[in-house]
Amino acid sequence: MAPFFMHDIFDTYLRVEKRYSDHTAVAYHHDVEQFFLFYGEPGTELNKINHASIRTWIVDLFEKEVSRKTINRKLSSLRTYFKWLKKEGVATGNPLAKVTGPKSEKRLPQFAKESELKSEKLEGLFSDDFDGVRDRLIFEIFYQTGIRLSELIELKDENVASDRIKVFGKRQKERIIPISQELSFLINTYRSGRKQMELDSNYFFLLNNGKKLYPKFVYRKINNYLGCATNLDKTSPHVLRHTFATHLLNNGAGLETLKDLLGHANLSATQVYTHNSFAKLTQIYSQAHPRGRKN
C-alpha cells in the first residue's frame, strides 16, 4: 500500500465532513485503494501522478470488462480523494482535472407491472407469523414509499407514524413521506407482533432475535418475493424503488413531487423515469387515436 494513501483520515473526512453513508465511504475507500495498488509504486511522489496515469488505469479496467458505470464511480472516488489532498495541502494539483469518464450506457430502470403487485396477488407469498408480517411490511414500504435499502434499515421506531414516515437519506437529508391507510394497518400489525415477541430497540425493523436488519437479509427477502410475483430479470429492493417512481408518474404525479419523495438532490436524477412514462403514453396513444390504432 502506498504510504500517501492516508485511508484513516480520508475515511473520517468522508463520514464526518462529507456525511457519506457507511456504504458510500467503504466504496470510495476501496476504489482509491484499488488505484494505488494498480499504480504499484509506493515510493513515487503524489505530484508525479498525472492524467496519463489515470487513463492507463481506465484502460486496464476496460480490459477487465468493468462496466462504464463502475469506472465512472471509481473516477468519482479518486477525484474526491485528490480534491481532499489538495485541500489539505498534501498535493498541489488534481490529476483528474483533464480526465473525462466514459459515457455511461443508457439503461432504463426495470419495474414491475401494477397488475403484478396488487394486494390480493401478494397475499399468498407471506406467512401469518412475525417473520411474514415483517417481510410483507418491508415489501410494501419499499413499494409504497420508494425508500432506499439503507434508509429502510436505518428507520427509527420514533420516525414511523400512523400517517407518515420520516426518512434520513444521503448526507442525512431529511424528508417526510405520507403513507396509506393500508400501510398504516400493516405497521400497527407489525408493532403488535414486536410487542408480543418482547423485542425492544430504537430501530423499527428487527430480526426475530431483536437485532437490527442487515442488507443481505433484506436483499435476499425481496429477491425471493419479487421473483415470485414477477418475471423480472432483476428483483432487488431498488427495483421496487423504480416501480414506486414509475407507477406514480404513470398515474399523474409530477416530476417535482417525485423528486421530493425519492430524496433526489436535483431533477435530472428523477427524469430517467420519464422514459418509462413515455412508453405508457405511447401505449395509450396507440389504443386511443384513430390513426394510432391497429386494424
C-alpha atoms as a PDB file:
ATOM      1  CA  MET A   1       0.000   0.000   0.000  1.00  0.00           C
ATOM      2  CA  ALA A   2       1.344   3.382  -0.952  1.00  0.00           C
ATOM      3  CA  PRO A   3       2.184   5.456   2.127  1.00  0.00           C
ATOM      4  CA  PHE A   4       0.430   8.508   0.672  1.00  0.00           C
ATOM      5  CA  PHE A   5      -2.957   6.763   0.778  1.00  0.00           C
ATOM      6  CA  MET A   6      -3.982   8.202   4.158  1.00  0.00           C
ATOM      7  CA  HIS A   7      -7.004   5.960   4.422  1.00  0.00           C
ATOM      8  CA  ASP A   8      -7.931   6.573   8.069  1.00  0.00           C
ATOM      9  CA  ILE A   9      -8.004  10.372   7.753  1.00  0.00           C
ATOM     10  CA  PHE A  10      -9.755  10.186   4.371  1.00  0.00           C
ATOM     11  CA  ASP A  11     -12.355   7.826   5.822  1.00  0.00           C
ATOM     12  CA  THR A  12     -13.068  10.278   8.650  1.00  0.00           C
ATOM     13  CA  TYR A  13     -13.404  13.102   6.099  1.00  0.00           C
ATOM     14  CA  LEU A  14     -15.978  11.126   4.092  1.00  0.00           C
ATOM     15  CA  ARG A  15     -18.079  10.122   7.077  1.00  0.00           C
ATOM     16  CA  VAL A  16     -17.887  13.278   9.200  1.00  0.00           C
ATOM     17  CA  GLU A  17     -17.360  16.244   6.881  1.00  0.00           C
ATOM     18  CA  LYS A  18     -18.994  14.913   3.692  1.00  0.00           C
ATOM     19  CA  ARG A  19     -21.557  12.947   5.744  1.00  0.00           C
ATOM     20  CA  TYR A  20     -21.465   9.990   3.366  1.00  0.00           C
ATOM     21  CA  SER A  21     -23.137   6.748   4.382  1.00  0.00           C
ATOM     22  CA  ASP A  22     -21.073   3.791   5.584  1.00  0.00           C
ATOM     23  CA  HIS A  23     -21.749   2.045   2.277  1.00  0.00           C
ATOM     24  CA  THR A  24     -20.506   5.006   0.197  1.00  0.00           C
ATOM     25  CA  ALA A  25     -17.451   5.583   2.397  1.00  0.00           C
ATOM     26  CA  VAL A  26     -16.419   1.927   2.076  1.00  0.00           C
ATOM     27  CA  ALA A  27     -16.884   2.053  -1.719  1.00  0.00           C
ATOM     28  CA  TYR A  28     -14.780   5.235  -2.048  1.00  0.00           C
ATOM     29  CA  HIS A  29     -12.084   3.768   0.200  1.00  0.00           C
ATOM     30  CA  HIS A  30     -11.958   0.580  -1.888  1.00  0.00           C
ATOM     31  CA  ASP A  31     -11.793   2.492  -5.193  1.00  0.00           C
ATOM     32  CA  VAL A  32      -8.902   4.711  -4.086  1.00  0.00           C
ATOM     33  CA  GLU A  33      -7.054   1.751  -2.590  1.00  0.00           C
ATOM     34  CA  GLN A  34      -7.515  -0.176  -5.842  1.00  0.00           C
ATOM     35  CA  PHE A  35      -5.949   2.643  -7.869  1.00  0.00           C
ATOM     36  CA  PHE A  36      -2.846   2.796  -5.688  1.00  0.00           C
ATOM     37  CA  LEU A  37      -2.478  -0.976  -5.767  1.00  0.00           C
ATOM     38  CA  PHE A  38      -2.613  -0.775  -9.562  1.00  0.00           C
ATOM     39  CA  TYR A  39      -0.172   2.131  -9.662  1.00  0.00           C
ATOM     40  CA  GLY A  40       2.190  -0.059  -7.685  1.00  0.00           C
ATOM     41  CA  GLU A  41       4.942   2.455  -6.940  1.00  0.00           C
ATOM     42  CA  PRO A  42       4.837   3.244  -3.198  1.00  0.00           C
ATOM     43  CA  GLY A  43       7.912   5.488  -3.385  1.00  0.00           C
ATOM     44  CA  THR A  44       6.500   7.758  -6.086  1.00  0.00           C
ATOM     45  CA  GLU A  45       5.578  11.285  -5.101  1.00  0.00           C
ATOM     46  CA  LEU A  46       1.921  12.245  -5.346  1.00  0.00           C
ATOM     47  CA  ASN A  47       2.597  15.083  -7.751  1.00  0.00           C
ATOM     48  CA  LYS A  48       4.121  12.628 -10.250  1.00  0.00           C
ATOM     49  CA  ILE A  49       0.712  11.032 -10.743  1.00  0.00           C
ATOM     50  CA  ASN A  50      -0.846  12.712 -13.792  1.00  0.00           C
ATOM     51  CA  HIS A  51      -3.773  12.341 -16.178  1.00  0.00           C
ATOM     52  CA  ALA A  52      -1.818   9.725 -18.179  1.00  0.00           C
ATOM     53  CA  SER A  53      -1.555   7.589 -15.015  1.00  0.00           C
ATOM     54  CA  ILE A  54      -5.319   7.768 -14.580  1.00  0.00           C
ATOM     55  CA  ARG A  55      -6.040   6.948 -18.218  1.00  0.00           C
ATOM     56  CA  THR A  56      -3.757   3.900 -18.038  1.00  0.00           C
ATOM     57  CA  TRP A  57      -5.855   2.695 -15.107  1.00  0.00           C
ATOM     58  CA  ILE A  58      -9.066   3.285 -17.086  1.00  0.00           C
ATOM     59  CA  VAL A  59      -7.727   1.181 -19.963  1.00  0.00           C
ATOM     60  CA  ASP A  60      -6.870  -1.598 -17.516  1.00  0.00           C
ATOM     61  CA  LEU A  61     -10.403  -1.512 -16.080  1.00  0.00           C
ATOM     62  CA  PHE A  62     -11.888  -1.726 -19.596  1.00  0.00           C
ATOM     63  CA  GLU A  63      -9.668  -4.726 -20.359  1.00  0.00           C
ATOM     64  CA  LYS A  64     -11.007  -6.388 -17.218  1.00  0.00           C
ATOM     65  CA  GLU A  65     -14.543  -5.762 -18.563  1.00  0.00           C
ATOM     66  CA  VAL A  66     -15.508  -3.442 -15.722  1.00  0.00           C
ATOM     67  CA  SER A  67     -18.735  -1.615 -16.622  1.00  0.00           C
ATOM     68  CA  ARG A  68     -18.708   2.048 -17.646  1.00  0.00           C
ATOM     69  CA  LYS A  69     -20.929   2.910 -14.689  1.00  0.00           C
ATOM     70  CA  THR A  70     -18.471   1.323 -12.242  1.00  0.00           C
ATOM     71  CA  ILE A  71     -15.489   3.023 -13.897  1.00  0.00           C
ATOM     72  CA  ASN A  72     -17.180   6.411 -13.547  1.00  0.00           C
ATOM     73  CA  ARG A  73     -17.863   5.722  -9.887  1.00  0.00           C
ATOM     74  CA  LYS A  74     -14.210   4.829  -9.320  1.00  0.00           C
ATOM     75  CA  LEU A  75     -13.131   8.042 -11.031  1.00  0.00           C
ATOM     76  CA  SER A  76     -15.532   9.997  -8.836  1.00  0.00           C
ATOM     77  CA  SER A  77     -13.979   8.387  -5.757  1.00  0.00           C
ATOM     78  CA  LEU A  78     -10.461   9.217  -6.945  1.00  0.00           C
ATOM     79  CA  ARG A  79     -11.496  12.771  -7.884  1.00  0.00           C
ATOM     80  CA  THR A  80     -12.858  13.302  -4.361  1.00  0.00           C
ATOM     81  CA  TYR A  81      -9.640  11.929  -2.882  1.00  0.00           C
ATOM     82  CA  PHE A  82      -7.321  14.223  -4.828  1.00  0.00           C
ATOM     83  CA  LYS A  83      -9.534  17.271  -4.158  1.00  0.00           C
ATOM     84  CA  TRP A  84      -9.244  16.433  -0.469  1.00  0.00           C
ATOM     85  CA  LEU A  85      -5.443  16.062  -0.721  1.00  0.00           C
ATOM     86  CA  LYS A  86      -5.207  19.471  -2.379  1.00  0.00           C
ATOM     87  CA  LYS A  87      -7.438  20.988   0.284  1.00  0.00           C
ATOM     88  CA  GLU A  88      -5.191  19.519   2.982  1.00  0.00           C
ATOM     89  CA  GLY A  89      -2.080  20.895   1.256  1.00  0.00           C
ATOM     90  CA  VAL A  90      -0.671  17.422   0.614  1.00  0.00           C
ATOM     91  CA  ALA A  91      -0.923  17.675  -3.190  1.00  0.00           C
ATOM     92  CA  THR A  92      -0.583  20.708  -5.458  1.00  0.00           C
ATOM     93  CA  GLY A  93      -2.917  19.597  -8.220  1.00  0.00           C
ATOM     94  CA  ASN A  94      -5.629  17.169  -9.254  1.00  0.00           C
ATOM     95  CA  PRO A  95      -4.565  14.687 -11.983  1.00  0.00           C
ATOM     96  CA  LEU A  96      -8.219  14.046 -12.799  1.00  0.00           C
ATOM     97  CA  ALA A  97      -8.840  17.627 -13.934  1.00  0.00           C
ATOM     98  CA  LYS A  98      -8.139  16.622 -17.560  1.00  0.00           C
ATOM     99  CA  VAL A  99      -9.789  13.193 -17.334  1.00  0.00           C
ATOM    100  CA  THR A 100     -13.303  12.557 -18.644  1.00  0.00           C
ATOM    101  CA  GLY A 101     -15.024   9.318 -17.777  1.00  0.00           C
ATOM    102  CA  PRO A 102     -16.559   7.006 -20.397  1.00  0.00           C
ATOM    103  CA  LYS A 103     -20.124   7.673 -21.485  1.00  0.00           C
ATOM    104  CA  SER A 104     -22.462   5.542 -19.441  1.00  0.00           C
ATOM    105  CA  GLU A 105     -24.797   3.088 -21.100  1.00  0.00           C
ATOM    106  CA  LYS A 106     -28.389   4.359 -21.150  1.00  0.00           C
ATOM    107  CA  ARG A 107     -30.327   1.694 -19.289  1.00  0.00           C
ATOM    108  CA  LEU A 108     -33.938   2.227 -18.367  1.00  0.00           C
ATOM    109  CA  PRO A 109     -34.833   1.208 -14.808  1.00  0.00           C
ATOM    110  CA  GLN A 110     -36.691  -2.086 -14.554  1.00  0.00           C
ATOM    111  CA  PHE A 111     -40.049  -2.012 -12.807  1.00  0.00           C
ATOM    112  CA  ALA A 112     -42.932  -4.334 -12.020  1.00  0.00           C
ATOM    113  CA  LYS A 113     -46.379  -4.001 -13.573  1.00  0.00           C
ATOM    114  CA  GLU A 114     -49.187  -2.629 -11.419  1.00  0.00           C
ATOM    115  CA  SER A 115     -51.176  -5.819 -12.003  1.00  0.00           C
ATOM    116  CA  GLU A 116     -48.327  -7.925 -10.581  1.00  0.00           C
ATOM    117  CA  LEU A 117     -48.280  -6.072  -7.246  1.00  0.00           C
ATOM    118  CA  LYS A 118     -51.978  -5.991  -6.406  1.00  0.00           C
ATOM    119  CA  SER A 119     -52.566  -6.735  -2.714  1.00  0.00           C
ATOM    120  CA  GLU A 120     -54.640  -9.843  -3.373  1.00  0.00           C
ATOM    121  CA  LYS A 121     -51.909 -11.326  -5.572  1.00  0.00           C
ATOM    122  CA  LEU A 122     -49.291 -10.881  -2.852  1.00  0.00           C
ATOM    123  CA  GLU A 123     -51.319 -12.395  -0.015  1.00  0.00           C
ATOM    124  CA  GLY A 124     -50.154 -15.970  -0.545  1.00  0.00           C
ATOM    125  CA  LEU A 125     -46.467 -15.045  -0.513  1.00  0.00           C
ATOM    126  CA  PHE A 126     -46.259 -14.139   3.176  1.00  0.00           C
ATOM    127  CA  SER A 127     -46.854 -16.250   6.284  1.00  0.00           C
ATOM    128  CA  ASP A 128     -49.009 -15.075   9.219  1.00  0.00           C
ATOM    129  CA  ASP A 129     -46.251 -15.263  11.839  1.00  0.00           C
ATOM    130  CA  PHE A 130     -43.975 -12.420  12.933  1.00  0.00           C
ATOM    131  CA  ASP A 131     -41.464 -13.007  10.118  1.00  0.00           C
ATOM    132  CA  GLY A 132     -44.214 -12.997   7.496  1.00  0.00           C
ATOM    133  CA  VAL A 133     -45.838  -9.809   8.803  1.00  0.00           C
ATOM    134  CA  ARG A 134     -42.462  -8.050   8.958  1.00  0.00           C
ATOM    135  CA  ASP A 135     -41.464  -9.216   5.464  1.00  0.00           C
ATOM    136  CA  ARG A 136     -44.787  -8.056   3.993  1.00  0.00           C
ATOM    137  CA  LEU A 137     -44.321  -4.646   5.613  1.00  0.00           C
ATOM    138  CA  ILE A 138     -40.755  -4.379   4.289  1.00  0.00           C
ATOM    139  CA  PHE A 139     -42.011  -5.191   0.781  1.00  0.00           C
ATOM    140  CA  GLU A 140     -44.883  -2.690   0.993  1.00  0.00           C
ATOM    141  CA  ILE A 141     -42.757   0.127   2.410  1.00  0.00           C
ATOM    142  CA  PHE A 142     -40.321  -0.264  -0.475  1.00  0.00           C
ATOM    143  CA  TYR A 143     -43.177  -0.233  -2.999  1.00  0.00           C
ATOM    144  CA  GLN A 144     -45.356   2.437  -1.372  1.00  0.00           C
ATOM    145  CA  THR A 145     -42.657   4.917  -0.318  1.00  0.00           C
ATOM    146  CA  GLY A 146     -39.726   4.310  -2.689  1.00  0.00           C
ATOM    147  CA  ILE A 147     -37.130   4.490   0.098  1.00  0.00           C
ATOM    148  CA  ARG A 148     -33.650   3.077  -0.355  1.00  0.00           C
ATOM    149  CA  LEU A 149     -32.386  -0.133   1.251  1.00  0.00           C
ATOM    150  CA  SER A 150     -30.055   1.749   3.599  1.00  0.00           C
ATOM    151  CA  GLU A 151     -32.886   4.120   4.581  1.00  0.00           C
ATOM    152  CA  LEU A 152     -35.187   1.225   5.456  1.00  0.00           C
ATOM    153  CA  ILE A 153     -32.581  -0.481   7.620  1.00  0.00           C
ATOM    154  CA  GLU A 154     -31.835   2.765   9.477  1.00  0.00           C
ATOM    155  CA  LEU A 155     -35.507   3.636  10.129  1.00  0.00           C
ATOM    156  CA  LYS A 156     -36.036   4.503  13.791  1.00  0.00           C
ATOM    157  CA  ASP A 157     -39.210   3.470  15.590  1.00  0.00           C
ATOM    158  CA  GLU A 158     -39.896   7.086  16.601  1.00  0.00           C
ATOM    159  CA  ASN A 159     -39.852   8.171  12.957  1.00  0.00           C
ATOM    160  CA  VAL A 160     -42.675   5.860  11.841  1.00  0.00           C
ATOM    161  CA  ALA A 161     -46.106   7.421  12.498  1.00  0.00           C
ATOM    162  CA  SER A 162     -49.635   6.380  11.524  1.00  0.00           C
ATOM    163  CA  ASP A 163     -49.776   8.717   8.541  1.00  0.00           C
ATOM    164  CA  ARG A 164     -46.131   9.352   7.584  1.00  0.00           C
ATOM    165  CA  ILE A 165     -42.559   8.229   7.942  1.00  0.00           C
ATOM    166  CA  LYS A 166     -39.510  10.432   8.416  1.00  0.00           C
ATOM    167  CA  VAL A 167     -36.531   9.290   6.373  1.00  0.00           C
ATOM    168  CA  PHE A 168     -32.916  10.394   6.562  1.00  0.00           C
ATOM    169  CA  GLY A 169     -31.369   9.950   3.139  1.00  0.00           C
ATOM    170  CA  LYS A 170     -27.989  10.676   1.631  1.00  0.00           C
ATOM    171  CA  ARG A 171     -25.914  13.068   3.727  1.00  0.00           C
ATOM    172  CA  GLN A 172     -28.631  12.801   6.390  1.00  0.00           C
ATOM    173  CA  LYS A 173     -31.065  14.896   4.350  1.00  0.00           C
ATOM    174  CA  GLU A 174     -34.488  14.604   5.968  1.00  0.00           C
ATOM    175  CA  ARG A 175     -37.726  14.056   4.078  1.00  0.00           C
ATOM    176  CA  ILE A 176     -41.303  13.210   5.086  1.00  0.00           C
ATOM    177  CA  ILE A 177     -43.233  10.598   3.092  1.00  0.00           C
ATOM    178  CA  PRO A 178     -47.015  10.186   3.523  1.00  0.00           C
ATOM    179  CA  ILE A 179     -48.344   6.639   3.843  1.00  0.00           C
ATOM    180  CA  SER A 180     -51.658   4.981   3.016  1.00  0.00           C
ATOM    181  CA  GLN A 181     -54.226   3.582   5.467  1.00  0.00           C
ATOM    182  CA  GLU A 182     -53.335   0.110   4.217  1.00  0.00           C
ATOM    183  CA  LEU A 183     -49.689   0.650   5.095  1.00  0.00           C
ATOM    184  CA  SER A 184     -50.648   2.166   8.458  1.00  0.00           C
ATOM    185  CA  PHE A 185     -52.633  -1.002   9.257  1.00  0.00           C
ATOM    186  CA  LEU A 186     -49.629  -3.198   8.412  1.00  0.00           C
ATOM    187  CA  ILE A 187     -47.417  -1.032  10.635  1.00  0.00           C
ATOM    188  CA  ASN A 188     -49.785  -1.452  13.584  1.00  0.00           C
ATOM    189  CA  THR A 189     -49.937  -5.208  12.996  1.00  0.00           C
ATOM    190  CA  TYR A 190     -46.144  -5.418  12.931  1.00  0.00           C
ATOM    191  CA  ARG A 191     -45.836  -3.333  16.103  1.00  0.00           C
ATOM    192  CA  SER A 192     -48.272  -5.656  17.888  1.00  0.00           C
ATOM    193  CA  GLY A 193     -46.093  -8.582  16.848  1.00  0.00           C
ATOM    194  CA  ARG A 194     -42.989  -6.821  18.131  1.00  0.00           C
ATOM    195  CA  LYS A 195     -44.687  -6.268  21.464  1.00  0.00           C
ATOM    196  CA  GLN A 196     -45.738  -9.904  21.750  1.00  0.00           C
ATOM    197  CA  MET A 197     -42.196 -11.001  20.910  1.00  0.00           C
ATOM    198  CA  GLU A 198     -40.906  -8.530  23.545  1.00  0.00           C
ATOM    199  CA  LEU A 199     -38.485  -7.012  21.045  1.00  0.00           C
ATOM    200  CA  ASP A 200     -37.182  -3.666  22.219  1.00  0.00           C
ATOM    201  CA  SER A 201     -34.980  -1.442  20.051  1.00  0.00           C
ATOM    202  CA  ASN A 202     -34.715   2.091  18.691  1.00  0.00           C
ATOM    203  CA  TYR A 203     -34.722   0.606  15.210  1.00  0.00           C
ATOM    204  CA  PHE A 204     -38.092  -0.039  13.599  1.00  0.00           C
ATOM    205  CA  PHE A 205     -37.365  -3.231  11.663  1.00  0.00           C
ATOM    206  CA  LEU A 206     -35.894  -6.119  13.625  1.00  0.00           C
ATOM    207  CA  LEU A 207     -34.978  -9.751  13.204  1.00  0.00           C
ATOM    208  CA  ASN A 208     -36.923 -12.162  15.406  1.00  0.00           C
ATOM    209  CA  ASN A 209     -33.957 -12.224  17.810  1.00  0.00           C
ATOM    210  CA  GLY A 210     -34.273  -8.469  18.334  1.00  0.00           C
ATOM    211  CA  LYS A 211     -31.232  -7.486  16.279  1.00  0.00           C
ATOM    212  CA  LYS A 212     -31.150  -4.853  13.548  1.00  0.00           C
ATOM    213  CA  LEU A 213     -31.678  -5.893   9.921  1.00  0.00           C
ATOM    214  CA  TYR A 214     -28.672  -6.130   7.624  1.00  0.00           C
ATOM    215  CA  PRO A 215     -28.525  -5.511   3.831  1.00  0.00           C
ATOM    216  CA  LYS A 216     -28.033  -9.101   2.644  1.00  0.00           C
ATOM    217  CA  PHE A 217     -31.025 -10.273   4.699  1.00  0.00           C
ATOM    218  CA  VAL A 218     -33.345  -7.658   3.162  1.00  0.00           C
ATOM    219  CA  TYR A 219     -31.956  -8.167  -0.338  1.00  0.00           C
ATOM    220  CA  ARG A 220     -32.488 -11.928  -0.095  1.00  0.00           C
ATOM    221  CA  LYS A 221     -36.079 -11.489   1.106  1.00  0.00           C
ATOM    222  CA  ILE A 222     -37.068  -9.040  -1.629  1.00  0.00           C
ATOM    223  CA  ASN A 223     -35.285 -11.077  -4.281  1.00  0.00           C
ATOM    224  CA  ASN A 224     -37.385 -14.075  -3.290  1.00  0.00           C
ATOM    225  CA  TYR A 225     -40.769 -12.337  -3.008  1.00  0.00           C
ATOM    226  CA  LEU A 226     -40.388 -10.129  -6.085  1.00  0.00           C
ATOM    227  CA  GLY A 227     -39.137 -13.120  -8.043  1.00  0.00           C
ATOM    228  CA  CYS A 228     -42.329 -14.993  -7.148  1.00  0.00           C
ATOM    229  CA  ALA A 229     -44.581 -12.053  -8.053  1.00  0.00           C
ATOM    230  CA  THR A 230     -42.949 -11.019 -11.353  1.00  0.00           C
ATOM    231  CA  ASN A 231     -40.914 -12.252 -14.298  1.00  0.00           C
ATOM    232  CA  LEU A 232     -38.284  -9.523 -13.978  1.00  0.00           C
ATOM    233  CA  ASP A 233     -34.604 -10.269 -14.546  1.00  0.00           C
ATOM    234  CA  LYS A 234     -33.656  -8.048 -11.595  1.00  0.00           C
ATOM    235  CA  THR A 235     -35.542  -8.428  -8.329  1.00  0.00           C
ATOM    236  CA  SER A 236     -33.688  -6.185  -5.891  1.00  0.00           C
ATOM    237  CA  PRO A 237     -35.082  -3.659  -3.378  1.00  0.00           C
ATOM    238  CA  HIS A 238     -34.052  -0.897  -5.794  1.00  0.00           C
ATOM    239  CA  VAL A 239     -36.400  -2.338  -8.426  1.00  0.00           C
ATOM    240  CA  LEU A 240     -39.280  -1.619  -6.030  1.00  0.00           C
ATOM    241  CA  ARG A 241     -37.994   1.963  -5.732  1.00  0.00           C
ATOM    242  CA  HIS A 242     -38.064   2.205  -9.549  1.00  0.00           C
ATOM    243  CA  THR A 243     -41.540   0.669  -9.532  1.00  0.00           C
ATOM    244  CA  PHE A 244     -42.796   3.204  -6.981  1.00  0.00           C
ATOM    245  CA  ALA A 245     -41.499   6.087  -9.110  1.00  0.00           C
ATOM    246  CA  THR A 246     -42.827   4.732 -12.417  1.00  0.00           C
ATOM    247  CA  HIS A 247     -46.300   3.945 -11.083  1.00  0.00           C
ATOM    248  CA  LEU A 248     -46.614   7.420  -9.556  1.00  0.00           C
ATOM    249  CA  LEU A 249     -45.666   9.104 -12.845  1.00  0.00           C
ATOM    250  CA  ASN A 250     -47.951   6.843 -14.850  1.00  0.00           C
ATOM    251  CA  ASN A 251     -50.839   7.874 -12.601  1.00  0.00           C
ATOM    252  CA  GLY A 252     -50.316  11.618 -12.834  1.00  0.00           C
ATOM    253  CA  ALA A 253     -47.669  12.611 -10.280  1.00  0.00           C
ATOM    254  CA  GLY A 254     -45.378  15.489 -11.263  1.00  0.00           C
ATOM    255  CA  LEU A 255     -41.597  15.271 -11.502  1.00  0.00           C
ATOM    256  CA  GLU A 256     -41.041  17.824  -8.718  1.00  0.00           C
ATOM    257  CA  THR A 257     -43.261  15.842  -6.344  1.00  0.00           C
ATOM    258  CA  LEU A 258     -41.489  12.616  -7.260  1.00  0.00           C
ATOM    259  CA  LYS A 259     -38.097  14.278  -6.773  1.00  0.00           C
ATOM    260  CA  ASP A 260     -39.044  15.241  -3.207  1.00  0.00           C
ATOM    261  CA  LEU A 261     -40.450  11.796  -2.396  1.00  0.00           C
ATOM    262  CA  LEU A 262     -37.355   9.998  -3.712  1.00  0.00           C
ATOM    263  CA  GLY A 263     -34.957  12.390  -1.979  1.00  0.00           C
ATOM    264  CA  HIS A 264     -33.099  13.330  -5.157  1.00  0.00           C
ATOM    265  CA  ALA A 265     -30.806  16.348  -4.942  1.00  0.00           C
ATOM    266  CA  ASN A 266     -31.749  17.571  -8.421  1.00  0.00           C
ATOM    267  CA  LEU A 267     -34.382  16.956 -11.052  1.00  0.00           C
ATOM    268  CA  SER A 268     -32.015  15.337 -13.564  1.00  0.00           C
ATOM    269  CA  ALA A 269     -31.818  12.215 -11.391  1.00  0.00           C
ATOM    270  CA  THR A 270     -35.622  11.938 -11.465  1.00  0.00           C
ATOM    271  CA  GLN A 271     -36.036  12.463 -15.203  1.00  0.00           C
ATOM    272  CA  VAL A 272     -34.856   8.942 -16.034  1.00  0.00           C
ATOM    273  CA  TYR A 273     -38.347   7.746 -15.091  1.00  0.00           C
ATOM    274  CA  THR A 274     -39.989   9.851 -17.799  1.00  0.00           C
ATOM    275  CA  HIS A 275     -38.760   7.309 -20.358  1.00  0.00           C
ATOM    276  CA  ASN A 276     -40.926   4.659 -18.757  1.00  0.00           C
ATOM    277  CA  SER A 277     -43.887   7.035 -18.565  1.00  0.00           C
ATOM    278  CA  PHE A 278     -43.408   7.941 -22.234  1.00  0.00           C
ATOM    279  CA  ALA A 279     -43.738   4.242 -23.052  1.00  0.00           C
ATOM    280  CA  LYS A 280     -47.056   4.298 -21.172  1.00  0.00           C
ATOM    281  CA  LEU A 281     -48.192   7.397 -23.098  1.00  0.00           C
ATOM    282  CA  THR A 282     -47.261   5.712 -26.382  1.00  0.00           C
ATOM    283  CA  GLN A 283     -49.381   2.706 -25.453  1.00  0.00           C
ATOM    284  CA  ILE A 284     -52.365   4.922 -24.579  1.00  0.00           C
ATOM    285  CA  TYR A 285     -51.949   6.884 -27.817  1.00  0.00           C
ATOM    286  CA  SER A 286     -51.847   3.753 -29.953  1.00  0.00           C
ATOM    287  CA  GLN A 287     -55.026   2.493 -28.299  1.00  0.00           C
ATOM    288  CA  ALA A 288     -56.955   5.789 -28.321  1.00  0.00           C
ATOM    289  CA  HIS A 289     -56.085   7.709 -31.510  1.00  0.00           C
ATOM    290  CA  PRO A 290     -57.798   6.646 -34.768  1.00  0.00           C
ATOM    291  CA  ARG A 291     -54.505   6.870 -36.664  1.00  0.00           C
ATOM    292  CA  GLY A 292     -52.657   5.046 -33.918  1.00  0.00           C
ATOM    293  CA  ARG A 293     -54.956   2.036 -33.613  1.00  0.00           C
ATOM    294  CA  LYS A 294     -54.033  -1.095 -35.478  1.00  0.00           C
ATOM    295  CA  ASN A 295     -56.667  -2.516 -37.789  1.00  0.00           C
END
